[in-house]
Protein backbone atom coordinates (compact mmCIF):
# COMPACT_ATOMS: atom_id res chain seq x y z
CA UNK A 1 8.74 -40.64 10.62
CA UNK A 2 12.20 -41.16 9.45
CA UNK A 3 13.27 -40.67 5.71
CA UNK A 4 13.80 -44.41 5.46
CA UNK A 5 9.78 -45.49 6.85
CA UNK A 6 8.24 -42.53 5.42
CA UNK A 7 7.68 -44.60 2.29
CA UNK A 8 7.11 -47.72 4.03
CA UNK A 9 4.02 -49.05 5.00
CA UNK A 10 2.69 -52.66 6.07
CA UNK A 11 -0.76 -54.07 4.97
CA UNK A 12 -2.08 -57.47 6.43
CA UNK A 13 -5.24 -58.77 4.41
CA UNK A 14 -7.26 -60.17 5.20
CA UNK A 15 -5.20 -63.69 4.55
CA UNK A 16 -2.78 -62.39 6.98
CA UNK A 17 0.05 -62.05 4.59
CA UNK A 18 1.59 -58.90 4.50
CA UNK A 19 2.06 -56.80 1.28
CA UNK A 20 4.32 -53.88 0.65
CA UNK A 21 2.82 -50.05 -0.49
CA UNK A 22 3.78 -46.54 0.65
CA UNK A 23 2.69 -43.29 2.19
CA UNK A 24 1.08 -42.70 -1.11
CA UNK A 25 -1.57 -45.40 0.46
CA UNK A 26 -2.32 -42.94 3.65
CA UNK A 27 -3.33 -40.25 1.57
CA UNK A 28 -5.62 -42.31 -0.84
CA UNK A 29 -7.21 -43.39 2.37
CA UNK A 30 -8.19 -39.77 4.19
CA UNK A 31 -8.16 -37.63 0.68
CA UNK A 32 -11.82 -37.96 0.28
CA UNK A 33 -12.42 -37.63 4.41
CA UNK A 34 -12.65 -34.00 4.72
CA UNK A 35 -13.29 -33.70 8.33
CA UNK A 36 -11.45 -35.31 11.01
CA UNK A 37 -11.66 -35.72 14.79
CA UNK A 38 -8.04 -34.22 16.08
CA UNK A 39 -7.65 -35.33 19.55
CA UNK A 40 -4.74 -33.13 21.78
CA UNK A 41 -3.83 -33.98 25.21
CA UNK A 42 -3.90 -31.30 27.64
CA UNK A 43 -1.17 -31.31 30.28
CA UNK A 44 -2.62 -33.21 33.55
CA UNK A 45 -6.48 -33.09 31.58
CA UNK A 46 -8.63 -35.56 29.71
CA UNK A 47 -7.69 -36.32 26.05
CA UNK A 48 -9.85 -33.24 24.07
CA UNK A 49 -11.04 -33.85 20.78
CA UNK A 50 -13.38 -31.71 17.91
CA UNK A 51 -13.95 -32.03 14.02
CA UNK A 52 -11.40 -30.13 12.04
CA UNK A 53 -11.63 -29.79 8.53
CA UNK A 54 -8.05 -31.13 6.81
CA UNK A 55 -6.67 -29.03 4.31
CA UNK A 56 -5.38 -30.29 0.65
CA UNK A 57 -4.37 -33.87 0.39
CA UNK A 58 -2.96 -34.59 -3.00
CA UNK A 59 -2.25 -38.41 -3.28
CA UNK A 60 0.92 -38.00 -5.38
CA UNK A 61 2.19 -34.69 -3.46
CA UNK A 62 1.60 -35.61 0.15
CA UNK A 63 4.65 -35.66 2.51
CA UNK A 64 3.38 -36.77 5.72
CA UNK A 65 2.18 -33.59 6.82
CA UNK A 66 -1.25 -32.41 7.89
CA UNK A 67 -2.71 -29.18 7.75
CA UNK A 68 -5.78 -27.31 9.89
CA UNK A 69 -6.72 -24.02 10.24
CA UNK A 70 -8.27 -22.53 13.36
CA UNK A 71 -8.90 -18.97 15.28
CA UNK A 72 -5.45 -18.06 16.45
CA UNK A 73 -6.90 -17.72 19.88
CA UNK A 74 -8.90 -20.70 20.30
CA UNK A 75 -7.99 -23.56 23.37
CA UNK A 76 -6.42 -26.13 21.51
CA UNK A 77 -3.49 -23.94 20.15
CA UNK A 78 -2.67 -23.54 23.83
CA UNK A 79 -3.01 -27.66 24.46
CA UNK A 80 -0.57 -28.07 21.52
CA UNK A 81 1.73 -25.41 23.08
CA UNK A 82 1.86 -27.38 26.49
CA UNK A 83 1.73 -30.78 24.68
CA UNK A 84 1.94 -31.27 20.49
CA UNK A 85 0.95 -34.79 20.69
CA UNK A 86 -1.93 -35.59 18.49
CA UNK A 87 -4.40 -38.31 17.36
CA UNK A 88 -6.27 -37.74 14.09
CA UNK A 89 -9.27 -40.07 13.75
CA UNK A 90 -10.98 -40.38 9.75
CA UNK A 91 -13.81 -42.50 9.28
CA UNK A 92 -15.94 -43.23 6.20
CA UNK A 93 -18.67 -45.39 7.28
CA UNK A 94 -20.11 -46.00 4.18
CA UNK A 95 -16.93 -47.22 2.61
CA UNK A 96 -15.94 -49.08 6.02
CA UNK A 97 -12.99 -47.01 6.34
CA UNK A 98 -11.50 -45.86 9.73
CA UNK A 99 -8.08 -44.36 9.79
CA UNK A 100 -5.89 -43.63 13.36
CA UNK A 101 -3.46 -41.30 12.51
CA UNK A 102 -0.54 -40.08 15.41
CA UNK A 103 1.78 -37.28 15.28
CA UNK A 104 3.36 -34.29 16.34
CA UNK A 105 1.67 -30.59 15.96
CA UNK A 106 2.43 -26.99 15.84
CA UNK A 107 0.55 -24.34 15.47
CA UNK A 108 2.22 -21.04 13.12
CA UNK A 109 1.00 -17.97 11.94
CA UNK A 110 2.06 -18.23 7.79
CA UNK A 111 -0.08 -16.41 5.26
CA UNK A 112 1.94 -17.91 2.23
CA UNK A 113 1.00 -21.01 3.38
CA UNK A 114 -2.67 -19.90 3.70
CA UNK A 115 -2.67 -18.47 0.66
CA UNK A 116 -1.81 -22.05 -1.10
CA UNK A 117 -4.21 -23.98 1.34
CA UNK A 118 -7.01 -20.94 0.77
CA UNK A 119 -10.50 -22.49 -0.19
CA UNK A 120 -14.55 -21.62 -0.06
CA UNK A 121 -14.39 -22.89 3.53
CA UNK A 122 -12.05 -21.10 4.65
CA UNK A 123 -12.87 -17.99 3.39
CA UNK A 124 -16.78 -18.95 5.01
CA UNK A 125 -14.56 -18.88 8.44
CA UNK A 126 -11.82 -16.47 7.67
CA UNK A 127 -14.27 -13.22 5.25
CA UNK A 128 -10.57 -11.14 5.60
CA UNK A 129 -8.62 -13.58 3.92
CA UNK A 130 -5.42 -15.95 4.16
CA UNK A 131 -3.89 -12.66 5.97
CA UNK A 132 -6.24 -12.53 8.91
CA UNK A 133 -4.24 -11.98 12.24
CA UNK A 134 -6.87 -14.12 13.71
CA UNK A 135 -6.21 -17.35 11.51
CA UNK A 136 -3.81 -19.80 12.52
CA UNK A 137 -2.28 -22.94 10.95
CA UNK A 138 -1.89 -26.21 12.58
CA UNK A 139 0.95 -28.35 10.82
CA UNK A 140 0.76 -32.00 11.93
CA UNK A 141 3.92 -34.46 10.90
CA UNK A 142 2.57 -37.70 10.60
CA UNK A 143 4.51 -40.34 13.18
CA UNK A 144 2.03 -43.22 12.05
CA UNK A 145 -1.01 -44.46 11.23
CA UNK A 146 -3.02 -47.45 11.28
CA UNK A 147 -6.23 -48.45 8.85
CA UNK A 148 -8.69 -50.43 8.49
CA UNK A 149 -10.11 -50.20 5.23
CA UNK A 150 -12.99 -52.76 4.78
CA UNK A 151 -15.04 -54.40 1.52
CA UNK A 152 -18.02 -52.66 0.48
CA UNK A 153 -21.17 -52.72 2.10
CA UNK A 154 -22.65 -54.79 -0.79
CA UNK A 155 -19.66 -57.53 -0.29
CA UNK A 156 -19.76 -57.30 3.10
CA UNK A 157 -23.47 -57.96 3.32
CA UNK A 158 -23.13 -60.84 1.05
CA UNK A 159 -20.33 -62.68 3.14
CA UNK A 160 -22.60 -62.17 5.84
CA UNK A 161 -25.54 -63.43 4.31
CA UNK A 162 -23.40 -66.63 3.47
CA UNK A 163 -21.63 -67.07 6.63
CA UNK A 164 -25.42 -67.04 8.53
CA UNK A 165 -26.53 -69.55 6.10
CA UNK A 166 -23.58 -72.10 6.10
CA UNK A 167 -23.42 -71.11 10.04
CA UNK A 168 -19.06 -70.36 9.24
CA UNK A 169 -17.49 -67.30 10.08
CA UNK A 170 -17.69 -63.91 7.72
CA UNK A 171 -14.78 -63.97 5.58
CA UNK A 172 -14.00 -60.54 4.19
CA UNK A 173 -11.23 -58.94 1.73
CA UNK A 174 -10.69 -55.75 3.81
CA UNK A 175 -7.14 -54.33 4.58
CA UNK A 176 -5.49 -53.43 7.95
CA UNK A 177 -2.00 -51.49 7.82
CA UNK A 178 0.43 -49.72 9.52
CA UNK A 179 2.72 -46.95 8.63
CA UNK A 180 5.72 -45.60 10.76
């Protein structure tokens, strides 16, 4: 994202009208979805997806960079070296919330950042601590994102019931938007 688009989000609500928000919306949407599917695109190969724990997303501090921890010898490190393009998907079905993020990822050995991101989940995987040489960080700079933030399940079910009884199409109050 360029500096001019980093804070620009266009939302399309159910009526089709555009409203404006900012990148903080992306952080709000994904901050409580800890596990995402990180997809890499190996050169000449099929896309390769795997679940990854997203590190530290605070809406007020989010700058468009996502962080993940991994083993320095993992296949994804080689895949990112060959092609840094990634697709990251977040899903919270209980909230009818879905987010797709594209970006550029790079791996790095960065004990200082690892100390900053350190948490109980990391300790479980890297018992030698944030200075463990087998610990690598994946830094993803978000290029774009698209989200669908639907109504609550109760609201949807009431709208569905109304549509079925009246013979009309379901009308929801969900939001759809893009970033970048």
